[in-house]
Amino acid sequence: MIYTETVEEYKVKFYTDRTTGKSPVLDYIKELGDKEEAKIAKYIEFLRINKGYLDEPYSRHIEGKIRELRIDFGKNRHRVFYFVFIKKTIILLHASMKKTAKTPVGEIQKAQENYQEVAKNPKIYE
C-alpha cells in the first residue's frame, strides 16, 4: 500500500502595525523598481517553499527567532527580517537596505519590536 503524506503549505504574512495599519515590508518593497521587487518576491517564495529555513548566503540568523533574508541586487543589499510562527506561518517583520558591513542595530531593534508585537497578538497572524 502506498501512503501519501499531505503536506500543509507554509504561508507568508506581513507584519502590520496596529496603530498605523501599515506594513513595513510591503511599504519597503513598493518603493523599489520592478526588477528588484520581482527578485525579492522570488526570494520570499523560495523561503516559503523551504519552510522558512535557508542557509547562507540566502538567510542568516540574527537574534532569538529572528532571521534575515538576504537579497542582493547589483550594489543594493536588501534585508528582510522574519521569523517562523505557529501553524507554519512565516511573518515578515521589517525590511531595509544594508549599507554597512554589519547589520545596523536600529534595524534589528525595529524587527525585535515588531516581533514582540506579533508575540503579544498571535491570533491576528494565525
N, C-alpha and C. Protein backbone atom coordinates (compact mmCIF):
# COMPACT_ATOMS: atom_id res chain seq x y z
N MET A 1 0.84 -1.18 0.00
CA MET A 1 0.00 0.00 0.00
C MET A 1 0.88 1.24 0.00
N ILE A 2 0.49 2.22 -0.78
CA ILE A 2 1.24 3.47 -0.87
C ILE A 2 0.55 4.50 0.01
N TYR A 3 1.34 5.09 0.87
CA TYR A 3 0.82 6.14 1.74
C TYR A 3 1.21 7.49 1.16
N THR A 4 0.27 8.35 1.08
CA THR A 4 0.58 9.70 0.63
C THR A 4 0.47 10.64 1.82
N GLU A 5 1.47 11.41 1.96
CA GLU A 5 1.50 12.36 3.07
C GLU A 5 0.97 13.69 2.57
N THR A 6 0.02 14.23 3.28
CA THR A 6 -0.47 15.55 2.91
C THR A 6 0.41 16.58 3.60
N VAL A 7 1.09 17.33 2.80
CA VAL A 7 2.00 18.34 3.32
C VAL A 7 1.29 19.69 3.28
N GLU A 8 1.13 20.24 4.45
CA GLU A 8 0.50 21.55 4.53
C GLU A 8 1.51 22.61 4.13
N GLU A 9 1.11 23.48 3.23
CA GLU A 9 1.98 24.53 2.74
C GLU A 9 2.24 25.58 3.82
N TYR A 10 3.42 26.14 3.78
CA TYR A 10 3.71 27.27 4.65
C TYR A 10 3.10 28.53 4.04
N LYS A 11 2.73 29.47 4.91
CA LYS A 11 2.15 30.73 4.46
C LYS A 11 3.11 31.85 4.82
N VAL A 12 3.05 32.92 4.05
CA VAL A 12 3.84 34.11 4.35
C VAL A 12 2.86 35.23 4.67
N LYS A 13 3.09 35.88 5.80
CA LYS A 13 2.26 37.02 6.18
C LYS A 13 3.17 38.20 6.52
N PHE A 14 2.65 39.38 6.27
CA PHE A 14 3.40 40.60 6.52
C PHE A 14 2.94 41.21 7.83
N TYR A 15 3.92 41.55 8.68
CA TYR A 15 3.60 42.27 9.91
C TYR A 15 2.92 43.58 9.53
N THR A 16 1.85 43.91 10.25
CA THR A 16 1.13 45.17 10.06
C THR A 16 1.05 45.90 11.39
N ASP A 17 1.49 47.14 11.40
CA ASP A 17 1.44 47.96 12.60
C ASP A 17 -0.03 48.21 12.95
N ARG A 18 -0.40 47.90 14.16
CA ARG A 18 -1.81 48.02 14.57
C ARG A 18 -2.27 49.47 14.68
N THR A 19 -1.37 50.40 14.94
CA THR A 19 -1.79 51.80 15.09
C THR A 19 -1.89 52.51 13.74
N THR A 20 -0.96 52.20 12.82
CA THR A 20 -0.96 52.89 11.52
C THR A 20 -1.61 52.07 10.41
N GLY A 21 -1.67 50.76 10.61
CA GLY A 21 -2.22 49.88 9.57
C GLY A 21 -1.26 49.64 8.42
N LYS A 22 -0.02 50.06 8.58
CA LYS A 22 0.98 49.92 7.52
C LYS A 22 1.87 48.71 7.76
N SER A 23 2.34 48.14 6.67
CA SER A 23 3.28 47.03 6.73
C SER A 23 4.65 47.52 6.30
N PRO A 24 5.64 47.48 7.19
CA PRO A 24 6.97 47.99 6.84
C PRO A 24 7.59 47.27 5.64
N VAL A 25 7.37 45.97 5.53
CA VAL A 25 7.97 45.21 4.43
C VAL A 25 7.28 45.56 3.11
N LEU A 26 5.97 45.57 3.10
CA LEU A 26 5.25 45.91 1.86
C LEU A 26 5.57 47.33 1.41
N ASP A 27 5.62 48.26 2.35
CA ASP A 27 5.94 49.64 2.02
C ASP A 27 7.34 49.74 1.42
N TYR A 28 8.28 49.00 1.99
CA TYR A 28 9.66 49.00 1.51
C TYR A 28 9.72 48.46 0.08
N ILE A 29 9.06 47.33 -0.15
CA ILE A 29 9.09 46.69 -1.47
C ILE A 29 8.45 47.57 -2.53
N LYS A 30 7.36 48.24 -2.18
CA LYS A 30 6.65 49.10 -3.14
C LYS A 30 7.50 50.29 -3.62
N GLU A 31 8.49 50.68 -2.82
CA GLU A 31 9.36 51.80 -3.17
C GLU A 31 10.44 51.41 -4.18
N LEU A 32 10.61 50.12 -4.43
CA LEU A 32 11.66 49.64 -5.31
C LEU A 32 11.19 49.57 -6.76
N GLY A 33 12.15 49.39 -7.65
CA GLY A 33 11.81 49.20 -9.06
C GLY A 33 11.24 47.81 -9.29
N ASP A 34 10.67 47.62 -10.46
CA ASP A 34 10.01 46.35 -10.79
C ASP A 34 10.94 45.14 -10.70
N LYS A 35 12.16 45.28 -11.18
CA LYS A 35 13.08 44.14 -11.18
C LYS A 35 13.50 43.76 -9.76
N GLU A 36 13.78 44.75 -8.94
CA GLU A 36 14.15 44.46 -7.55
C GLU A 36 12.96 43.86 -6.80
N GLU A 37 11.77 44.41 -7.04
CA GLU A 37 10.56 43.90 -6.41
C GLU A 37 10.33 42.43 -6.79
N ALA A 38 10.54 42.11 -8.07
CA ALA A 38 10.36 40.73 -8.54
C ALA A 38 11.37 39.79 -7.90
N LYS A 39 12.61 40.26 -7.74
CA LYS A 39 13.63 39.40 -7.13
C LYS A 39 13.32 39.15 -5.67
N ILE A 40 12.88 40.16 -4.96
CA ILE A 40 12.52 39.97 -3.55
C ILE A 40 11.34 39.01 -3.44
N ALA A 41 10.35 39.17 -4.31
CA ALA A 41 9.20 38.25 -4.31
C ALA A 41 9.65 36.82 -4.56
N LYS A 42 10.59 36.65 -5.47
CA LYS A 42 11.13 35.31 -5.77
C LYS A 42 11.81 34.71 -4.54
N TYR A 43 12.59 35.51 -3.83
CA TYR A 43 13.28 35.03 -2.63
C TYR A 43 12.28 34.70 -1.52
N ILE A 44 11.23 35.50 -1.39
CA ILE A 44 10.21 35.23 -0.38
C ILE A 44 9.51 33.91 -0.69
N GLU A 45 9.23 33.67 -1.96
CA GLU A 45 8.62 32.40 -2.37
C GLU A 45 9.58 31.24 -2.11
N PHE A 46 10.85 31.43 -2.39
CA PHE A 46 11.87 30.43 -2.12
C PHE A 46 11.91 30.10 -0.63
N LEU A 47 11.79 31.12 0.20
CA LEU A 47 11.75 30.96 1.65
C LEU A 47 10.52 30.14 2.06
N ARG A 48 9.37 30.45 1.47
CA ARG A 48 8.13 29.73 1.79
C ARG A 48 8.24 28.26 1.40
N ILE A 49 8.73 28.00 0.22
CA ILE A 49 8.87 26.62 -0.26
C ILE A 49 9.80 25.81 0.64
N ASN A 50 10.82 26.48 1.18
CA ASN A 50 11.80 25.81 2.04
C ASN A 50 11.45 25.90 3.52
N LYS A 51 10.18 26.14 3.81
CA LYS A 51 9.64 26.12 5.16
C LYS A 51 10.31 27.11 6.11
N GLY A 52 10.73 28.24 5.57
CA GLY A 52 11.27 29.31 6.40
C GLY A 52 12.72 29.15 6.79
N TYR A 53 13.39 28.14 6.27
CA TYR A 53 14.78 27.91 6.66
C TYR A 53 15.66 27.79 5.44
N LEU A 54 16.53 28.76 5.27
CA LEU A 54 17.51 28.76 4.20
C LEU A 54 18.89 28.95 4.82
N ASP A 55 19.88 28.35 4.21
CA ASP A 55 21.26 28.52 4.67
C ASP A 55 21.86 29.77 4.04
N GLU A 56 23.03 30.15 4.54
CA GLU A 56 23.74 31.26 3.93
C GLU A 56 24.10 30.85 2.51
N PRO A 57 24.11 31.73 1.57
CA PRO A 57 24.06 33.18 1.67
C PRO A 57 22.64 33.75 1.62
N TYR A 58 21.62 32.90 1.55
CA TYR A 58 20.25 33.38 1.40
C TYR A 58 19.63 33.92 2.68
N SER A 59 20.01 33.35 3.79
CA SER A 59 19.42 33.74 5.07
C SER A 59 20.49 33.64 6.15
N ARG A 60 20.27 34.42 7.22
CA ARG A 60 21.23 34.39 8.32
C ARG A 60 20.48 34.63 9.63
N HIS A 61 20.90 33.92 10.67
CA HIS A 61 20.31 34.10 11.99
C HIS A 61 20.76 35.46 12.53
N ILE A 62 19.81 36.20 13.11
CA ILE A 62 20.12 37.50 13.70
C ILE A 62 20.13 37.41 15.22
N GLU A 63 18.98 37.06 15.79
CA GLU A 63 18.88 37.02 17.25
C GLU A 63 17.58 36.33 17.64
N GLY A 64 17.62 35.45 18.62
CA GLY A 64 16.42 34.74 19.04
C GLY A 64 15.82 33.97 17.87
N LYS A 65 14.55 34.22 17.57
CA LYS A 65 13.90 33.56 16.44
C LYS A 65 14.02 34.36 15.14
N ILE A 66 14.56 35.55 15.23
CA ILE A 66 14.62 36.44 14.07
C ILE A 66 15.78 36.08 13.15
N ARG A 67 15.47 36.00 11.86
CA ARG A 67 16.46 35.75 10.82
C ARG A 67 16.33 36.86 9.79
N GLU A 68 17.31 36.95 8.90
CA GLU A 68 17.22 37.92 7.81
C GLU A 68 17.34 37.19 6.48
N LEU A 69 16.45 37.55 5.58
CA LEU A 69 16.50 37.08 4.21
C LEU A 69 17.39 38.07 3.47
N ARG A 70 18.39 37.55 2.77
CA ARG A 70 19.40 38.40 2.16
C ARG A 70 19.24 38.40 0.65
N ILE A 71 18.91 39.55 0.09
CA ILE A 71 18.69 39.67 -1.34
C ILE A 71 19.63 40.75 -1.89
N ASP A 72 20.57 40.34 -2.71
CA ASP A 72 21.49 41.28 -3.33
C ASP A 72 21.05 41.53 -4.76
N PHE A 73 21.02 42.80 -5.14
CA PHE A 73 20.62 43.19 -6.48
C PHE A 73 21.59 44.27 -6.93
N GLY A 74 22.56 43.91 -7.73
CA GLY A 74 23.60 44.85 -8.10
C GLY A 74 24.36 45.28 -6.85
N LYS A 75 24.44 46.58 -6.64
CA LYS A 75 25.11 47.10 -5.44
C LYS A 75 24.16 47.20 -4.25
N ASN A 76 22.88 47.00 -4.48
CA ASN A 76 21.89 47.09 -3.40
C ASN A 76 21.80 45.77 -2.65
N ARG A 77 21.87 45.86 -1.33
CA ARG A 77 21.76 44.67 -0.48
C ARG A 77 20.52 44.83 0.40
N HIS A 78 19.46 44.16 0.01
CA HIS A 78 18.20 44.25 0.74
C HIS A 78 18.17 43.18 1.83
N ARG A 79 17.58 43.54 2.97
CA ARG A 79 17.44 42.61 4.07
C ARG A 79 15.99 42.63 4.55
N VAL A 80 15.40 41.44 4.64
CA VAL A 80 14.03 41.30 5.13
C VAL A 80 14.10 40.45 6.39
N PHE A 81 13.72 41.02 7.51
CA PHE A 81 13.75 40.31 8.79
C PHE A 81 12.45 39.52 8.94
N TYR A 82 12.56 38.29 9.42
CA TYR A 82 11.39 37.41 9.53
C TYR A 82 11.59 36.39 10.63
N PHE A 83 10.52 35.67 10.94
CA PHE A 83 10.62 34.51 11.81
C PHE A 83 9.51 33.55 11.44
N VAL A 84 9.70 32.29 11.83
CA VAL A 84 8.70 31.26 11.55
C VAL A 84 7.79 31.17 12.76
N PHE A 85 6.50 31.30 12.51
CA PHE A 85 5.49 31.40 13.55
C PHE A 85 4.68 30.10 13.61
N ILE A 86 3.77 30.05 14.56
CA ILE A 86 2.93 28.86 14.73
C ILE A 86 2.10 28.59 13.48
N LYS A 87 1.69 27.37 13.34
CA LYS A 87 0.85 26.92 12.22
C LYS A 87 1.48 27.20 10.87
N LYS A 88 2.78 26.96 10.79
CA LYS A 88 3.50 27.03 9.52
C LYS A 88 3.32 28.38 8.82
N THR A 89 3.58 29.44 9.56
CA THR A 89 3.44 30.78 9.03
C THR A 89 4.77 31.51 9.17
N ILE A 90 5.19 32.15 8.11
CA ILE A 90 6.39 32.97 8.12
C ILE A 90 5.93 34.42 8.19
N ILE A 91 6.38 35.14 9.21
CA ILE A 91 6.00 36.54 9.37
C ILE A 91 7.18 37.42 8.96
N LEU A 92 6.94 38.28 7.98
CA LEU A 92 7.96 39.23 7.53
C LEU A 92 7.80 40.49 8.38
N LEU A 93 8.83 40.82 9.15
CA LEU A 93 8.74 41.85 10.17
C LEU A 93 9.16 43.25 9.71
N HIS A 94 10.28 43.32 9.03
CA HIS A 94 10.88 44.62 8.72
C HIS A 94 11.82 44.44 7.53
N ALA A 95 12.04 45.48 6.76
CA ALA A 95 12.96 45.43 5.63
C ALA A 95 13.78 46.70 5.56
N SER A 96 15.00 46.55 5.07
CA SER A 96 15.86 47.72 4.92
C SER A 96 16.95 47.43 3.89
N MET A 97 17.63 48.48 3.51
CA MET A 97 18.78 48.36 2.63
C MET A 97 20.01 48.35 3.51
N LYS A 98 20.87 47.38 3.30
CA LYS A 98 22.08 47.28 4.10
C LYS A 98 23.18 48.09 3.42
N LYS A 99 23.74 49.04 4.16
CA LYS A 99 24.75 49.92 3.59
C LYS A 99 26.09 49.80 4.29
N THR A 100 26.13 49.04 5.37
CA THR A 100 27.37 48.88 6.14
C THR A 100 27.71 47.40 6.25
N ALA A 101 28.91 47.12 6.73
CA ALA A 101 29.35 45.72 6.85
C ALA A 101 28.49 44.95 7.85
N LYS A 102 28.17 45.58 8.97
CA LYS A 102 27.32 44.93 9.97
C LYS A 102 25.89 45.43 9.84
N THR A 103 24.95 44.56 10.19
CA THR A 103 23.55 44.97 10.16
C THR A 103 23.35 46.04 11.24
N PRO A 104 22.81 47.20 10.89
CA PRO A 104 22.63 48.28 11.87
C PRO A 104 21.74 47.85 13.04
N VAL A 105 22.15 48.24 14.23
CA VAL A 105 21.43 47.89 15.45
C VAL A 105 20.00 48.43 15.40
N GLY A 106 19.81 49.62 14.86
CA GLY A 106 18.47 50.22 14.78
C GLY A 106 17.52 49.38 13.95
N GLU A 107 18.00 48.78 12.88
CA GLU A 107 17.15 47.93 12.03
C GLU A 107 16.77 46.65 12.77
N ILE A 108 17.72 46.10 13.51
CA ILE A 108 17.44 44.89 14.31
C ILE A 108 16.43 45.22 15.40
N GLN A 109 16.56 46.38 16.03
CA GLN A 109 15.61 46.77 17.08
C GLN A 109 14.20 46.92 16.53
N LYS A 110 14.05 47.47 15.32
CA LYS A 110 12.73 47.59 14.71
C LYS A 110 12.12 46.21 14.49
N ALA A 111 12.94 45.28 14.01
CA ALA A 111 12.46 43.91 13.80
C ALA A 111 12.06 43.27 15.13
N GLN A 112 12.85 43.50 16.18
CA GLN A 112 12.53 42.96 17.50
C GLN A 112 11.22 43.54 18.04
N GLU A 113 11.03 44.84 17.88
CA GLU A 113 9.79 45.48 18.34
C GLU A 113 8.58 44.89 17.62
N ASN A 114 8.71 44.70 16.32
CA ASN A 114 7.61 44.12 15.55
C ASN A 114 7.37 42.67 15.96
N TYR A 115 8.46 41.95 16.24
CA TYR A 115 8.34 40.56 16.72
C TYR A 115 7.57 40.53 18.04
N GLN A 116 7.90 41.44 18.96
CA GLN A 116 7.23 41.49 20.26
C GLN A 116 5.74 41.79 20.08
N GLU A 117 5.41 42.64 19.14
CA GLU A 117 4.01 42.98 18.87
C GLU A 117 3.26 41.74 18.35
N VAL A 118 3.90 40.97 17.49
CA VAL A 118 3.27 39.74 16.99
C VAL A 118 3.09 38.75 18.13
N ALA A 119 4.11 38.63 18.98
CA ALA A 119 4.04 37.69 20.11
C ALA A 119 2.92 38.04 21.08
N LYS A 120 2.63 39.33 21.23
CA LYS A 120 1.55 39.77 22.13
C LYS A 120 0.16 39.55 21.52
N ASN A 121 0.09 39.50 20.20
CA ASN A 121 -1.19 39.38 19.49
C ASN A 121 -1.14 38.25 18.45
N PRO A 122 -0.90 37.03 18.90
CA PRO A 122 -0.70 35.93 17.94
C PRO A 122 -1.94 35.59 17.10
N LYS A 123 -3.12 35.82 17.64
CA LYS A 123 -4.35 35.45 16.90
C LYS A 123 -4.50 36.22 15.60
N ILE A 124 -3.94 37.40 15.52
CA ILE A 124 -4.02 38.22 14.31
C ILE A 124 -3.33 37.51 13.14
N TYR A 125 -2.27 36.76 13.44
CA TYR A 125 -1.45 36.17 12.39
C TYR A 125 -1.68 34.67 12.18
N GLU A 126 -2.64 34.10 12.89
CA GLU A 126 -2.90 32.68 12.72
C GLU A 126 -3.65 32.41 11.44
